[in-house]
Amino acid sequence: MTTARFAVSIVIEWYNMTHAELSRAARMLSGLKSQACSLYSDVADPVRLAQPLELIIVFDSDHFEDEHVRKFIDGAVGNCEFLTIRYLPVPGADYCKQKNAGAAIATGEILIFLDSDLIPESEWLVAFLGAFKNANVSVVVGNTFVDWSRRDLYSKSIALSWMFPLRDPDAELTIAKTFYANNVAFRTKTFLSRQFPDVPGLTHVPAKLLVERLERDGVTLWYGRNARASHPPPSGGLHFVNRAISGGRARALSAESVTLSLVFRWVLNDIKSALLVFKRFILEGFKVELQWWQLPVATSIALTYSTFFMFGSLLSVVAPNFVKDRFKL
């Protein structure tokens, strides 16, 4: 078996640490340390690291003190010969700007974006690098799924109704239609020639626009099902509402102009989405151990999110200045 060696850089934004649990970041960093150790020292692996795994921690220095970030990460990983950790303070940088800034200083030929609140599974890095053994692969999309390991009804409901797919048990590499910027890998030269476009005030829209650019350029997105990482459900009621309103805000602000016919289409799409979610509860609920008697509450949680999503869209139309800085993730 031929062993492929890769120099890898992982860009970790610290943007999500404004609302996520630090314990998740600690678990993520510990897991990356273990994977780096394995791929740097185990000669039996079909893929290996050609040099220590480079972690680039990018943070908004207006919100986080350099000393505090370094102290936390040092506590999570300690001294490790298999890791090179670089810190990049960027004042005022939002989510995608932090990713672009980290990519600009990356030294690896493979560039991976991983969010600070995601926890990769043990074979996550192997899965990404295995896909890049094919020279024709330039972009690999990981499987981000909602963590329902607490087995509470709220987490199960979010896992089935939120934007992410469920955990995919397969390992086959297939073609993807889109990606989330929280768990995706590029050949570095592929990303640097495009990057996330600057869309002031909209956090996640740049990823959608980059997908469109890649499609126009004829770059295929590959879905690496076994590059799995868990995402937490919104933590608490305020975060739940904020995520929903922020999503609706992004939809409204992405429109060139808002008309009554467009609002009508929003309503129809949200009704259709709600029906699809209920169908998913019925057909896939068993995958997260959702019981039949839990359906009413699970449906209520999904409908509440959808209602606040629509509220966010409408509020952004009638009072854009009010929602501009209050609801943004």
Protein backbone atom coordinates (compact mmCIF):
# COMPACT_ATOMS: atom_id res chain seq x y z
CA MET A 1 0.00 0.00 0.00
CA THR A 2 1.35 3.40 -1.05
CA THR A 3 1.58 5.96 1.71
CA ALA A 4 0.77 9.58 0.83
CA ARG A 5 2.33 12.40 2.84
CA PHE A 6 0.69 15.77 3.23
CA ALA A 7 1.58 19.07 4.88
CA VAL A 8 -1.65 20.18 6.54
CA SER A 9 -2.87 23.46 8.01
CA ILE A 10 -6.08 23.67 10.03
CA VAL A 11 -7.61 27.12 10.45
CA ILE A 12 -9.70 27.40 13.62
CA GLU A 13 -11.74 30.55 14.03
CA TRP A 14 -12.39 31.72 17.58
CA TYR A 15 -15.51 33.62 16.51
CA ASN A 16 -17.90 30.99 17.86
CA MET A 17 -16.36 31.19 21.30
CA THR A 18 -18.52 34.25 21.87
CA HIS A 19 -21.46 31.87 22.42
CA ALA A 20 -20.13 28.29 22.57
CA GLU A 21 -18.85 26.21 25.47
CA LEU A 22 -15.10 26.31 26.02
CA SER A 23 -15.23 22.65 27.01
CA ARG A 24 -16.05 21.74 23.41
CA ALA A 25 -13.01 23.65 22.14
CA ALA A 26 -10.84 21.82 24.67
CA ARG A 27 -12.16 18.44 23.50
CA MET A 28 -11.63 19.45 19.87
CA LEU A 29 -8.01 20.46 20.48
CA SER A 30 -7.28 17.31 22.45
CA GLY A 31 -8.70 15.21 19.63
CA LEU A 32 -6.59 16.98 17.02
CA LYS A 33 -3.51 16.35 19.13
CA SER A 34 -4.26 12.61 19.19
CA GLN A 35 -4.88 12.48 15.44
CA ALA A 36 -1.69 14.41 14.69
CA CYS A 37 0.30 12.03 16.87
CA SER A 38 -1.11 9.01 15.05
CA LEU A 39 -0.56 10.35 11.54
CA TYR A 40 2.92 11.63 12.29
CA SER A 41 4.27 8.50 13.94
CA ASP A 42 2.28 5.50 12.69
CA VAL A 43 4.05 4.14 9.60
CA ALA A 44 1.15 1.76 8.88
CA ASP A 45 -1.30 4.54 7.94
CA PRO A 46 -2.04 4.98 4.20
CA VAL A 47 -1.77 8.74 4.74
CA ARG A 48 0.71 10.53 6.96
CA LEU A 49 1.71 14.03 7.93
CA ALA A 50 4.83 15.26 6.18
CA GLN A 51 5.43 17.74 9.00
CA PRO A 52 3.79 18.61 12.32
CA LEU A 53 0.12 19.50 11.95
CA GLU A 54 -0.23 23.29 11.76
CA LEU A 55 -3.07 24.79 13.80
CA ILE A 56 -3.80 28.44 13.08
CA ILE A 57 -5.95 30.02 15.78
CA VAL A 58 -7.56 33.20 14.48
CA PHE A 59 -9.39 35.53 16.85
CA ASP A 60 -10.81 39.02 17.03
CA SER A 61 -8.41 40.86 19.33
CA ASP A 62 -11.14 43.41 20.08
CA HIS A 63 -13.06 40.68 21.92
CA PHE A 64 -10.41 38.21 23.10
CA GLU A 65 -7.10 38.93 24.76
CA ASP A 66 -4.12 37.20 23.18
CA GLU A 67 -2.86 36.02 26.55
CA HIS A 68 -6.17 34.38 27.47
CA VAL A 69 -6.47 32.54 24.16
CA ARG A 70 -2.90 31.23 24.37
CA LYS A 71 -3.31 30.17 28.00
CA PHE A 72 -6.47 28.22 27.22
CA ILE A 73 -5.00 26.42 24.21
CA ASP A 74 -1.74 25.66 25.98
CA GLY A 75 -3.81 24.10 28.75
CA ALA A 76 -5.73 21.99 26.26
CA VAL A 77 -2.80 20.60 24.24
CA GLY A 78 0.37 21.35 26.21
CA ASN A 79 3.71 20.84 24.51
CA CYS A 80 3.41 18.51 21.53
CA GLU A 81 6.03 17.77 18.90
CA PHE A 82 3.30 16.76 16.44
CA LEU A 83 1.64 20.19 16.47
CA THR A 84 2.70 23.67 15.42
CA ILE A 85 0.35 26.26 16.87
CA ARG A 86 0.21 29.77 15.45
CA TYR A 87 -1.91 32.61 16.80
CA LEU A 88 -3.33 35.31 14.56
CA PRO A 89 -5.12 38.24 16.21
CA VAL A 90 -7.22 40.16 13.69
CA PRO A 91 -9.06 43.14 15.20
CA GLY A 92 -12.70 43.40 14.20
CA ALA A 93 -12.66 40.30 11.95
CA ASP A 94 -15.91 38.38 11.62
CA TYR A 95 -16.38 34.66 10.92
CA CYS A 96 -15.28 34.37 7.29
CA LYS A 97 -12.70 37.13 7.53
CA GLN A 98 -11.00 35.12 10.26
CA LYS A 99 -10.94 32.10 7.96
CA ASN A 100 -9.48 34.11 5.06
CA ALA A 101 -6.83 35.60 7.34
CA GLY A 102 -5.79 32.18 8.62
CA ALA A 103 -5.63 30.74 5.12
CA ALA A 104 -3.36 33.59 3.99
CA ILE A 105 -0.58 32.49 6.37
CA ALA A 106 -1.08 28.72 6.08
CA THR A 107 1.99 26.74 5.02
CA GLY A 108 0.31 23.39 4.31
CA GLU A 109 -0.65 22.15 0.89
CA ILE A 110 -3.96 20.99 2.38
CA LEU A 111 -6.07 23.62 4.12
CA ILE A 112 -8.87 22.58 6.49
CA PHE A 113 -11.42 24.90 8.07
CA LEU A 114 -12.72 23.67 11.40
CA ASP A 115 -14.90 25.69 13.74
CA SER A 116 -13.95 26.13 17.36
CA ASP A 117 -17.18 24.50 18.60
CA LEU A 118 -16.98 21.33 16.48
CA ILE A 119 -15.59 18.04 17.76
CA PRO A 120 -14.08 15.84 15.02
CA GLU A 121 -14.32 12.08 15.30
CA SER A 122 -11.13 10.05 15.62
CA GLU A 123 -10.84 9.26 11.87
CA TRP A 124 -11.71 12.77 10.72
CA LEU A 125 -8.25 13.81 9.51
CA VAL A 126 -7.53 10.44 7.92
CA ALA A 127 -10.79 10.72 5.99
CA PHE A 128 -9.93 14.13 4.56
CA LEU A 129 -6.38 13.19 3.61
CA GLY A 130 -7.46 9.88 2.13
CA ALA A 131 -9.71 11.77 -0.28
CA PHE A 132 -6.82 13.99 -1.37
CA LYS A 133 -4.79 10.96 -2.44
CA ASN A 134 -6.77 11.40 -5.66
CA ALA A 135 -5.00 14.23 -7.50
CA ASN A 136 -8.29 15.28 -9.13
CA VAL A 137 -9.89 16.12 -5.77
CA SER A 138 -9.56 19.78 -4.76
CA VAL A 139 -12.40 20.30 -2.25
CA VAL A 140 -13.73 17.82 0.31
CA VAL A 141 -16.82 18.55 2.39
CA GLY A 142 -17.01 16.98 5.83
CA ASN A 143 -20.11 15.54 7.51
CA THR A 144 -21.18 18.04 10.16
CA PHE A 145 -24.05 16.75 12.30
CA VAL A 146 -25.80 17.93 15.45
CA ASP A 147 -24.55 16.33 18.64
CA TRP A 148 -27.44 14.54 20.35
CA SER A 149 -25.24 12.44 22.64
CA ARG A 150 -27.04 13.78 25.72
CA ARG A 151 -30.10 11.99 24.36
CA ASP A 152 -32.48 14.72 25.49
CA LEU A 153 -35.52 15.58 23.40
CA TYR A 154 -34.24 19.06 22.54
CA SER A 155 -30.99 17.77 21.01
CA LYS A 156 -32.79 15.03 19.09
CA SER A 157 -35.30 17.54 17.69
CA ILE A 158 -32.56 19.94 16.56
CA ALA A 159 -30.56 17.07 15.00
CA LEU A 160 -33.55 16.21 12.83
CA SER A 161 -34.80 19.70 12.02
CA TRP A 162 -31.77 21.98 11.78
CA MET A 163 -29.69 22.73 8.69
CA PHE A 164 -27.19 19.87 9.07
CA PRO A 165 -27.68 16.27 7.96
CA LEU A 166 -27.58 13.42 10.44
CA ARG A 167 -24.35 11.59 11.13
CA ASP A 168 -23.59 9.59 7.98
CA PRO A 169 -22.37 6.05 8.71
CA ASP A 170 -21.01 5.48 5.19
CA ALA A 171 -17.46 6.05 3.98
CA GLU A 172 -18.06 6.46 0.26
CA LEU A 173 -16.80 9.62 -1.44
CA THR A 174 -19.65 11.21 -3.44
CA ILE A 175 -20.34 14.54 -5.11
CA ALA A 176 -21.66 17.32 -2.85
CA LYS A 177 -23.84 20.27 -3.84
CA THR A 178 -22.73 22.66 -1.12
CA PHE A 179 -20.70 22.92 2.07
CA TYR A 180 -20.72 24.52 5.48
CA ALA A 181 -17.60 26.51 6.24
CA ASN A 182 -17.24 24.83 9.62
CA ASN A 183 -15.89 21.52 8.29
CA VAL A 184 -14.38 21.61 4.81
CA ALA A 185 -10.96 21.01 3.24
CA PHE A 186 -9.27 22.50 0.18
CA ARG A 187 -6.04 22.21 -1.66
CA THR A 188 -4.59 25.48 -0.45
CA LYS A 189 -3.97 26.89 -3.91
CA THR A 190 -7.61 26.18 -4.84
CA PHE A 191 -8.89 28.22 -1.92
CA LEU A 192 -6.41 31.10 -2.09
CA SER A 193 -7.30 31.80 -5.71
CA ARG A 194 -10.92 32.42 -4.64
CA GLN A 195 -11.50 32.79 -0.85
CA PHE A 196 -14.66 33.81 0.98
CA PRO A 197 -16.04 37.03 -0.52
CA ASP A 198 -16.66 39.98 1.80
CA VAL A 199 -20.39 40.42 2.48
CA PRO A 200 -20.73 43.05 5.23
CA GLY A 201 -23.24 42.12 7.93
CA LEU A 202 -23.86 38.56 6.73
CA THR A 203 -21.86 35.84 8.44
CA HIS A 204 -22.60 32.67 6.47
CA VAL A 205 -23.58 34.00 3.04
CA PRO A 206 -19.90 34.17 1.88
CA ALA A 207 -19.74 30.36 1.98
CA LYS A 208 -22.77 30.13 -0.33
CA LEU A 209 -21.17 32.60 -2.74
CA LEU A 210 -17.90 30.66 -2.71
CA VAL A 211 -19.81 27.49 -3.59
CA GLU A 212 -21.31 29.32 -6.57
CA ARG A 213 -17.85 30.55 -7.63
CA LEU A 214 -16.41 27.04 -7.44
CA GLU A 215 -19.30 25.72 -9.50
CA ARG A 216 -18.74 28.38 -12.18
CA ASP A 217 -15.05 27.48 -12.24
CA GLY A 218 -15.83 23.80 -12.72
CA VAL A 219 -14.39 22.72 -9.35
CA THR A 220 -16.16 19.63 -8.04
CA LEU A 221 -17.14 19.44 -4.38
CA TRP A 222 -16.64 15.99 -2.92
CA TYR A 223 -18.54 14.77 0.12
CA GLY A 224 -16.25 12.95 2.53
CA ARG A 225 -18.93 11.23 4.60
CA ASN A 226 -16.46 9.86 7.13
CA ALA A 227 -14.87 13.25 7.87
CA ARG A 228 -17.39 13.58 10.67
CA ALA A 229 -17.60 16.33 13.29
CA SER A 230 -20.37 17.06 15.77
CA HIS A 231 -21.93 20.51 16.16
CA PRO A 232 -23.70 21.54 19.38
CA PRO A 233 -27.39 22.46 19.28
CA PRO A 234 -28.12 26.09 20.16
CA SER A 235 -27.29 26.44 23.84
CA GLY A 236 -30.29 27.67 25.74
CA GLY A 237 -33.40 29.59 24.80
CA LEU A 238 -31.73 32.90 23.98
CA HIS A 239 -29.21 31.31 21.63
CA PHE A 240 -31.99 29.25 20.03
CA VAL A 241 -34.03 32.39 19.31
CA ASN A 242 -30.98 34.36 18.19
CA ARG A 243 -29.95 31.66 15.70
CA ALA A 244 -33.44 31.55 14.23
CA ILE A 245 -33.86 35.32 13.93
CA SER A 246 -30.33 35.67 12.54
CA GLY A 247 -31.11 33.08 9.87
CA GLY A 248 -34.24 34.97 8.86
CA ARG A 249 -32.27 38.20 8.87
CA ALA A 250 -29.70 36.71 6.50
CA ARG A 251 -32.46 35.60 4.12
CA ALA A 252 -33.99 39.07 4.02
CA LEU A 253 -30.72 40.94 3.62
CA SER A 254 -29.60 38.57 0.85
CA ALA A 255 -32.55 39.61 -1.32
CA GLU A 256 -31.97 42.40 -3.83
CA SER A 257 -35.43 43.79 -3.09
CA VAL A 258 -38.27 42.60 -0.90
CA THR A 259 -41.74 42.51 -2.45
CA LEU A 260 -45.06 41.07 -1.30
CA SER A 261 -44.63 38.21 -3.76
CA LEU A 262 -41.21 37.42 -2.27
CA VAL A 263 -42.63 37.40 1.27
CA PHE A 264 -45.38 35.07 0.03
CA ARG A 265 -42.72 32.74 -1.37
CA TRP A 266 -40.92 32.87 1.99
CA VAL A 267 -44.10 31.76 3.72
CA LEU A 268 -44.67 28.93 1.23
CA ASN A 269 -41.06 27.77 1.54
CA ASP A 270 -41.24 27.79 5.33
CA ILE A 271 -44.47 25.78 5.28
CA LYS A 272 -42.89 23.31 2.87
CA SER A 273 -39.79 23.08 5.08
CA ALA A 274 -41.94 22.45 8.15
CA LEU A 275 -43.74 19.60 6.38
CA LEU A 276 -40.42 18.08 5.30
CA VAL A 277 -39.14 18.28 8.87
CA PHE A 278 -42.25 16.50 10.16
CA LYS A 279 -41.75 13.84 7.48
CA ARG A 280 -38.15 13.49 8.64
CA PHE A 281 -39.32 13.05 12.24
CA ILE A 282 -41.50 10.14 11.07
CA LEU A 283 -39.04 8.46 8.72
CA GLU A 284 -35.70 9.13 10.41
CA GLY A 285 -36.59 9.72 14.04
CA PHE A 286 -35.42 6.23 14.95
CA LYS A 287 -31.87 7.21 13.97
CA VAL A 288 -31.70 9.53 16.98
CA GLU A 289 -33.92 7.37 19.18
CA LEU A 290 -36.90 9.73 18.92
CA GLN A 291 -39.97 8.00 20.37
CA TRP A 292 -43.44 8.31 18.82
CA TRP A 293 -44.84 9.93 21.96
CA GLN A 294 -42.15 12.64 21.72
CA LEU A 295 -43.37 13.80 18.30
CA PRO A 296 -45.68 16.60 19.54
CA VAL A 297 -42.95 18.32 21.54
CA ALA A 298 -40.32 17.77 18.83
CA THR A 299 -42.68 19.29 16.28
CA SER A 300 -43.32 22.26 18.56
CA ILE A 301 -39.57 22.90 18.85
CA ALA A 302 -39.16 22.82 15.07
CA LEU A 303 -42.18 25.09 14.49
CA THR A 304 -40.94 27.56 17.11
CA TYR A 305 -37.61 27.82 15.31
CA SER A 306 -39.38 28.28 11.97
CA THR A 307 -41.62 30.99 13.44
CA PHE A 308 -38.68 33.01 14.78
CA PHE A 309 -36.90 32.49 11.45
CA MET A 310 -39.82 34.10 9.61
CA PHE A 311 -40.04 36.80 12.28
CA GLY A 312 -36.36 37.59 11.65
CA SER A 313 -37.01 37.97 7.92
CA LEU A 314 -39.98 40.30 8.40
CA LEU A 315 -38.31 42.31 11.15
CA SER A 316 -35.32 42.87 8.89
CA VAL A 317 -37.62 44.36 6.27
CA VAL A 318 -39.54 46.74 8.55
CA ALA A 319 -36.76 47.58 11.03
CA PRO A 320 -33.38 46.79 9.44
CA ASN A 321 -31.41 49.07 11.73
CA PHE A 322 -32.86 47.40 14.82
CA VAL A 323 -31.75 43.90 13.79
CA LYS A 324 -28.46 44.95 12.19
CA ASP A 325 -26.26 44.41 15.24
CA ARG A 326 -28.64 42.70 17.66
CA PHE A 327 -29.11 39.47 15.70
CA LYS A 328 -25.97 38.30 13.95
CA LEU A 329 -24.16 34.98 14.20
